[in-house]
Amino acid sequence: MFKSSQKMNLNSPINARSVSAWSQILLALTLIAPFPTGLATAKADIQFLDDVVTVSLIRLIAFPEKYDGKRIQVRGYYVRGFEASSLYPTKEDHEMYNLPNEIWISMKGIRGDKIGGRKTFRGYVTVIGTFHYEPEFLTGQLEIGDVTSLEVVPKY
């Protein structure tokens, strides 16, 4: 390719392509490398004394059967409006109508509503309630009921 007497031009397209190819190979190897045994099953929940489990919304959606009937605390993007009371991982999930990532928040008997009783609301919140999973539904119905706290997450 190059003789030892020639200088290598680092801006040449050949070298840029080869660097790009090597970076793609390294990325692929990193993604397919085996994980340590305990990493994939590491405990990600936090249990408080009052039996409330703090869990991420993604974990709740991925493993709903694990949390069925448990008191949970979770954060997400909340949408309240006409026939709407749903929690999403992100604002973008709501805007794209990503329904598999939606969890219904039951308004029946809600206590600790710090949103101020507004009929419409959109923003990030922390919810504490009882999680219910109904696998009979086509996509699996996910719901948080018996809500005892619904607080707006402060902007940083």
C-alpha atoms as a PDB file:
ATOM      1  CA  MET A   1       0.000   0.000   0.000  1.00  0.00           C
ATOM      2  CA  PHE A   2       2.583   2.609   1.105  1.00  0.00           C
ATOM      3  CA  LYS A   3       6.316   2.307   0.798  1.00  0.00           C
ATOM      4  CA  SER A   4       8.274   3.123   3.895  1.00  0.00           C
ATOM      5  CA  SER A   5       9.662   6.223   2.205  1.00  0.00           C
ATOM      6  CA  GLN A   6       6.163   7.632   1.507  1.00  0.00           C
ATOM      7  CA  LYS A   7       4.312   9.740   4.039  1.00  0.00           C
ATOM      8  CA  MET A   8       0.776   8.673   4.883  1.00  0.00           C
ATOM      9  CA  ASN A   9      -1.956  11.277   4.290  1.00  0.00           C
ATOM     10  CA  LEU A  10      -4.371  10.945   7.240  1.00  0.00           C
ATOM     11  CA  ASN A  11      -7.068  12.896   5.390  1.00  0.00           C
ATOM     12  CA  SER A  12      -7.229  10.465   2.490  1.00  0.00           C
ATOM     13  CA  PRO A  13     -10.608   8.746   1.952  1.00  0.00           C
ATOM     14  CA  ILE A  14      -8.994   5.301   2.119  1.00  0.00           C
ATOM     15  CA  ASN A  15      -7.817   5.852   5.680  1.00  0.00           C
ATOM     16  CA  ALA A  16     -11.092   7.463   6.747  1.00  0.00           C
ATOM     17  CA  ARG A  17     -12.982   4.435   5.387  1.00  0.00           C
ATOM     18  CA  SER A  18     -10.709   1.965   7.112  1.00  0.00           C
ATOM     19  CA  VAL A  19     -11.031   3.820  10.427  1.00  0.00           C
ATOM     20  CA  SER A  20     -14.806   3.848   9.997  1.00  0.00           C
ATOM     21  CA  ALA A  21     -14.802   0.125   9.208  1.00  0.00           C
ATOM     22  CA  TRP A  22     -12.680  -0.625  12.293  1.00  0.00           C
ATOM     23  CA  SER A  23     -14.943   1.444  14.515  1.00  0.00           C
ATOM     24  CA  GLN A  24     -17.980  -0.454  13.204  1.00  0.00           C
ATOM     25  CA  ILE A  25     -16.265  -3.780  13.865  1.00  0.00           C
ATOM     26  CA  LEU A  26     -15.354  -2.728  17.400  1.00  0.00           C
ATOM     27  CA  LEU A  27     -18.916  -1.563  18.034  1.00  0.00           C
ATOM     28  CA  ALA A  28     -20.319  -4.876  16.781  1.00  0.00           C
ATOM     29  CA  LEU A  29     -17.931  -6.854  18.981  1.00  0.00           C
ATOM     30  CA  THR A  30     -18.896  -4.768  21.988  1.00  0.00           C
ATOM     31  CA  LEU A  31     -22.603  -5.395  21.394  1.00  0.00           C
ATOM     32  CA  ILE A  32     -22.298  -9.147  20.940  1.00  0.00           C
ATOM     33  CA  ALA A  33     -19.747  -9.734  23.706  1.00  0.00           C
ATOM     34  CA  PRO A  34     -21.140 -11.978  26.436  1.00  0.00           C
ATOM     35  CA  PHE A  35     -22.306 -10.201  29.581  1.00  0.00           C
ATOM     36  CA  PRO A  36     -21.209 -11.325  33.040  1.00  0.00           C
ATOM     37  CA  THR A  37     -23.748 -13.754  34.463  1.00  0.00           C
ATOM     38  CA  GLY A  38     -25.299 -11.459  37.083  1.00  0.00           C
ATOM     39  CA  LEU A  39     -25.402  -8.286  34.997  1.00  0.00           C
ATOM     40  CA  ALA A  40     -28.608  -8.984  33.063  1.00  0.00           C
ATOM     41  CA  THR A  41     -30.497 -10.055  36.192  1.00  0.00           C
ATOM     42  CA  ALA A  42     -29.149  -7.456  38.606  1.00  0.00           C
ATOM     43  CA  LYS A  43     -31.702  -6.163  41.085  1.00  0.00           C
ATOM     44  CA  ALA A  44     -32.915  -2.774  39.847  1.00  0.00           C
ATOM     45  CA  ASP A  45     -35.757  -2.172  42.307  1.00  0.00           C
ATOM     46  CA  ILE A  46     -35.665  -0.257  45.572  1.00  0.00           C
ATOM     47  CA  GLN A  47     -38.002  -1.431  48.348  1.00  0.00           C
ATOM     48  CA  PHE A  48     -38.976   1.044  51.066  1.00  0.00           C
ATOM     49  CA  LEU A  49     -40.245   0.227  54.563  1.00  0.00           C
ATOM     50  CA  ASP A  50     -43.839   0.988  53.609  1.00  0.00           C
ATOM     51  CA  ASP A  51     -43.710  -1.778  50.945  1.00  0.00           C
ATOM     52  CA  VAL A  52     -43.537   0.635  48.008  1.00  0.00           C
ATOM     53  CA  VAL A  53     -41.212  -0.585  45.255  1.00  0.00           C
ATOM     54  CA  THR A  54     -39.473   2.123  43.207  1.00  0.00           C
ATOM     55  CA  VAL A  55     -39.122   0.866  39.648  1.00  0.00           C
ATOM     56  CA  SER A  56     -38.353   2.371  36.242  1.00  0.00           C
ATOM     57  CA  LEU A  57     -41.220   2.638  33.790  1.00  0.00           C
ATOM     58  CA  ILE A  58     -39.263   0.627  31.199  1.00  0.00           C
ATOM     59  CA  ARG A  59     -38.753  -2.233  33.674  1.00  0.00           C
ATOM     60  CA  LEU A  60     -42.434  -2.087  34.632  1.00  0.00           C
ATOM     61  CA  ILE A  61     -43.485  -2.395  30.977  1.00  0.00           C
ATOM     62  CA  ALA A  62     -40.927  -5.149  30.273  1.00  0.00           C
ATOM     63  CA  PHE A  63     -41.803  -7.329  33.303  1.00  0.00           C
ATOM     64  CA  PRO A  64     -45.407  -6.480  34.255  1.00  0.00           C
ATOM     65  CA  GLU A  65     -46.132  -9.872  35.844  1.00  0.00           C
ATOM     66  CA  LYS A  66     -43.385  -9.256  38.435  1.00  0.00           C
ATOM     67  CA  TYR A  67     -45.158  -6.143  39.772  1.00  0.00           C
ATOM     68  CA  ASP A  68     -48.820  -7.203  39.495  1.00  0.00           C
ATOM     69  CA  GLY A  69     -50.646  -6.280  42.715  1.00  0.00           C
ATOM     70  CA  LYS A  70     -47.651  -4.456  44.234  1.00  0.00           C
ATOM     71  CA  ARG A  71     -47.439  -0.873  45.476  1.00  0.00           C
ATOM     72  CA  ILE A  72     -45.011   0.925  43.179  1.00  0.00           C
ATOM     73  CA  GLN A  73     -43.432   4.332  42.693  1.00  0.00           C
ATOM     74  CA  VAL A  74     -42.605   5.265  39.109  1.00  0.00           C
ATOM     75  CA  ARG A  75     -41.749   8.382  37.075  1.00  0.00           C
ATOM     76  CA  GLY A  76     -42.889   9.190  33.570  1.00  0.00           C
ATOM     77  CA  TYR A  77     -44.559  11.628  31.200  1.00  0.00           C
ATOM     78  CA  TYR A  78     -48.183  12.012  32.297  1.00  0.00           C
ATOM     79  CA  VAL A  79     -51.056  13.071  30.049  1.00  0.00           C
ATOM     80  CA  ARG A  80     -54.406  14.002  31.588  1.00  0.00           C
ATOM     81  CA  GLY A  81     -57.298  15.221  29.504  1.00  0.00           C
ATOM     82  CA  PHE A  82     -60.632  14.245  27.963  1.00  0.00           C
ATOM     83  CA  GLU A  83     -60.756  10.445  28.304  1.00  0.00           C
ATOM     84  CA  ALA A  84     -56.992  10.396  28.920  1.00  0.00           C
ATOM     85  CA  SER A  85     -54.952   9.564  31.989  1.00  0.00           C
ATOM     86  CA  SER A  86     -51.798   7.829  30.790  1.00  0.00           C
ATOM     87  CA  LEU A  87     -48.151   7.532  31.770  1.00  0.00           C
ATOM     88  CA  TYR A  88     -45.374   7.142  29.176  1.00  0.00           C
ATOM     89  CA  PRO A  89     -41.587   6.764  29.514  1.00  0.00           C
ATOM     90  CA  THR A  90     -41.024   9.973  27.505  1.00  0.00           C
ATOM     91  CA  LYS A  91     -42.882  12.871  25.944  1.00  0.00           C
ATOM     92  CA  GLU A  92     -41.925  11.476  22.526  1.00  0.00           C
ATOM     93  CA  ASP A  93     -43.701   8.161  23.304  1.00  0.00           C
ATOM     94  CA  HIS A  94     -46.926  10.123  23.812  1.00  0.00           C
ATOM     95  CA  GLU A  95     -46.427  12.279  20.712  1.00  0.00           C
ATOM     96  CA  MET A  96     -45.803   9.171  18.561  1.00  0.00           C
ATOM     97  CA  TYR A  97     -48.803   7.352  20.125  1.00  0.00           C
ATOM     98  CA  ASN A  98     -46.529   4.520  21.223  1.00  0.00           C
ATOM     99  CA  LEU A  99     -49.359   2.594  22.892  1.00  0.00           C
ATOM    100  CA  PRO A 100     -47.296  -0.447  23.972  1.00  0.00           C
ATOM    101  CA  ASN A 101     -45.405   1.974  26.251  1.00  0.00           C
ATOM    102  CA  GLU A 102     -48.581   3.397  27.807  1.00  0.00           C
ATOM    103  CA  ILE A 103     -49.795   2.727  31.354  1.00  0.00           C
ATOM    104  CA  TRP A 104     -53.286   3.829  32.353  1.00  0.00           C
ATOM    105  CA  ILE A 105     -53.537   5.855  35.581  1.00  0.00           C
ATOM    106  CA  SER A 106     -56.898   5.261  37.250  1.00  0.00           C
ATOM    107  CA  MET A 107     -58.469   8.495  38.435  1.00  0.00           C
ATOM    108  CA  LYS A 108     -60.975   6.608  40.605  1.00  0.00           C
ATOM    109  CA  GLY A 109     -60.338   7.377  44.275  1.00  0.00           C
ATOM    110  CA  ILE A 110     -57.097   9.226  43.578  1.00  0.00           C
ATOM    111  CA  ARG A 111     -55.486  10.786  46.658  1.00  0.00           C
ATOM    112  CA  GLY A 112     -52.412  12.982  46.933  1.00  0.00           C
ATOM    113  CA  ASP A 113     -52.963  14.710  43.571  1.00  0.00           C
ATOM    114  CA  LYS A 114     -50.416  17.551  43.554  1.00  0.00           C
ATOM    115  CA  ILE A 115     -51.320  18.632  40.017  1.00  0.00           C
ATOM    116  CA  GLY A 116     -53.995  20.819  41.542  1.00  0.00           C
ATOM    117  CA  GLY A 117     -57.085  19.106  40.198  1.00  0.00           C
ATOM    118  CA  ARG A 118     -56.460  20.371  36.673  1.00  0.00           C
ATOM    119  CA  LYS A 119     -58.583  18.698  34.017  1.00  0.00           C
ATOM    120  CA  THR A 120     -55.720  18.770  31.535  1.00  0.00           C
ATOM    121  CA  PHE A 121     -52.035  18.301  32.226  1.00  0.00           C
ATOM    122  CA  ARG A 122     -48.911  17.217  30.366  1.00  0.00           C
ATOM    123  CA  GLY A 123     -45.571  16.806  32.074  1.00  0.00           C
ATOM    124  CA  TYR A 124     -43.292  14.550  34.064  1.00  0.00           C
ATOM    125  CA  VAL A 125     -44.641  13.166  37.340  1.00  0.00           C
ATOM    126  CA  THR A 126     -43.930  10.670  40.088  1.00  0.00           C
ATOM    127  CA  VAL A 127     -46.810   8.275  40.829  1.00  0.00           C
ATOM    128  CA  ILE A 128     -47.317   5.974  43.805  1.00  0.00           C
ATOM    129  CA  GLY A 129     -50.088   3.401  43.457  1.00  0.00           C
ATOM    130  CA  THR A 130     -50.957  -0.261  43.006  1.00  0.00           C
ATOM    131  CA  PHE A 131     -49.913  -1.785  39.693  1.00  0.00           C
ATOM    132  CA  HIS A 132     -52.284  -4.141  37.858  1.00  0.00           C
ATOM    133  CA  TYR A 133     -51.511  -6.322  34.837  1.00  0.00           C
ATOM    134  CA  GLU A 134     -54.263  -7.967  32.779  1.00  0.00           C
ATOM    135  CA  PRO A 135     -52.586 -10.362  30.296  1.00  0.00           C
ATOM    136  CA  GLU A 136     -55.942 -11.405  28.752  1.00  0.00           C
ATOM    137  CA  PHE A 137     -55.964  -8.259  26.636  1.00  0.00           C
ATOM    138  CA  LEU A 138     -54.272  -8.429  23.236  1.00  0.00           C
ATOM    139  CA  THR A 139     -51.413  -6.119  24.230  1.00  0.00           C
ATOM    140  CA  GLY A 140     -51.731  -6.675  27.982  1.00  0.00           C
ATOM    141  CA  GLN A 141     -53.535  -3.996  29.972  1.00  0.00           C
ATOM    142  CA  LEU A 142     -51.246  -2.076  32.331  1.00  0.00           C
ATOM    143  CA  GLU A 143     -52.824   0.113  35.006  1.00  0.00           C
ATOM    144  CA  ILE A 144     -51.880   1.938  38.187  1.00  0.00           C
ATOM    145  CA  GLY A 145     -54.807   2.261  40.579  1.00  0.00           C
ATOM    146  CA  ASP A 146     -55.310   3.234  44.232  1.00  0.00           C
ATOM    147  CA  VAL A 147     -53.055   6.234  43.589  1.00  0.00           C
ATOM    148  CA  THR A 148     -51.889   7.835  46.827  1.00  0.00           C
ATOM    149  CA  SER A 149     -49.425  10.313  45.314  1.00  0.00           C
ATOM    150  CA  LEU A 150     -49.246  12.109  41.975  1.00  0.00           C
ATOM    151  CA  GLU A 151     -46.584  14.832  42.018  1.00  0.00           C
ATOM    152  CA  VAL A 152     -45.012  16.955  39.314  1.00  0.00           C
ATOM    153  CA  VAL A 153     -41.287  16.302  38.870  1.00  0.00           C
ATOM    154  CA  PRO A 154     -39.519  19.652  39.306  1.00  0.00           C
ATOM    155  CA  LYS A 155     -37.610  21.035  36.318  1.00  0.00           C
ATOM    156  CA  TYR A 156     -33.885  21.302  36.880  1.00  0.00           C
END
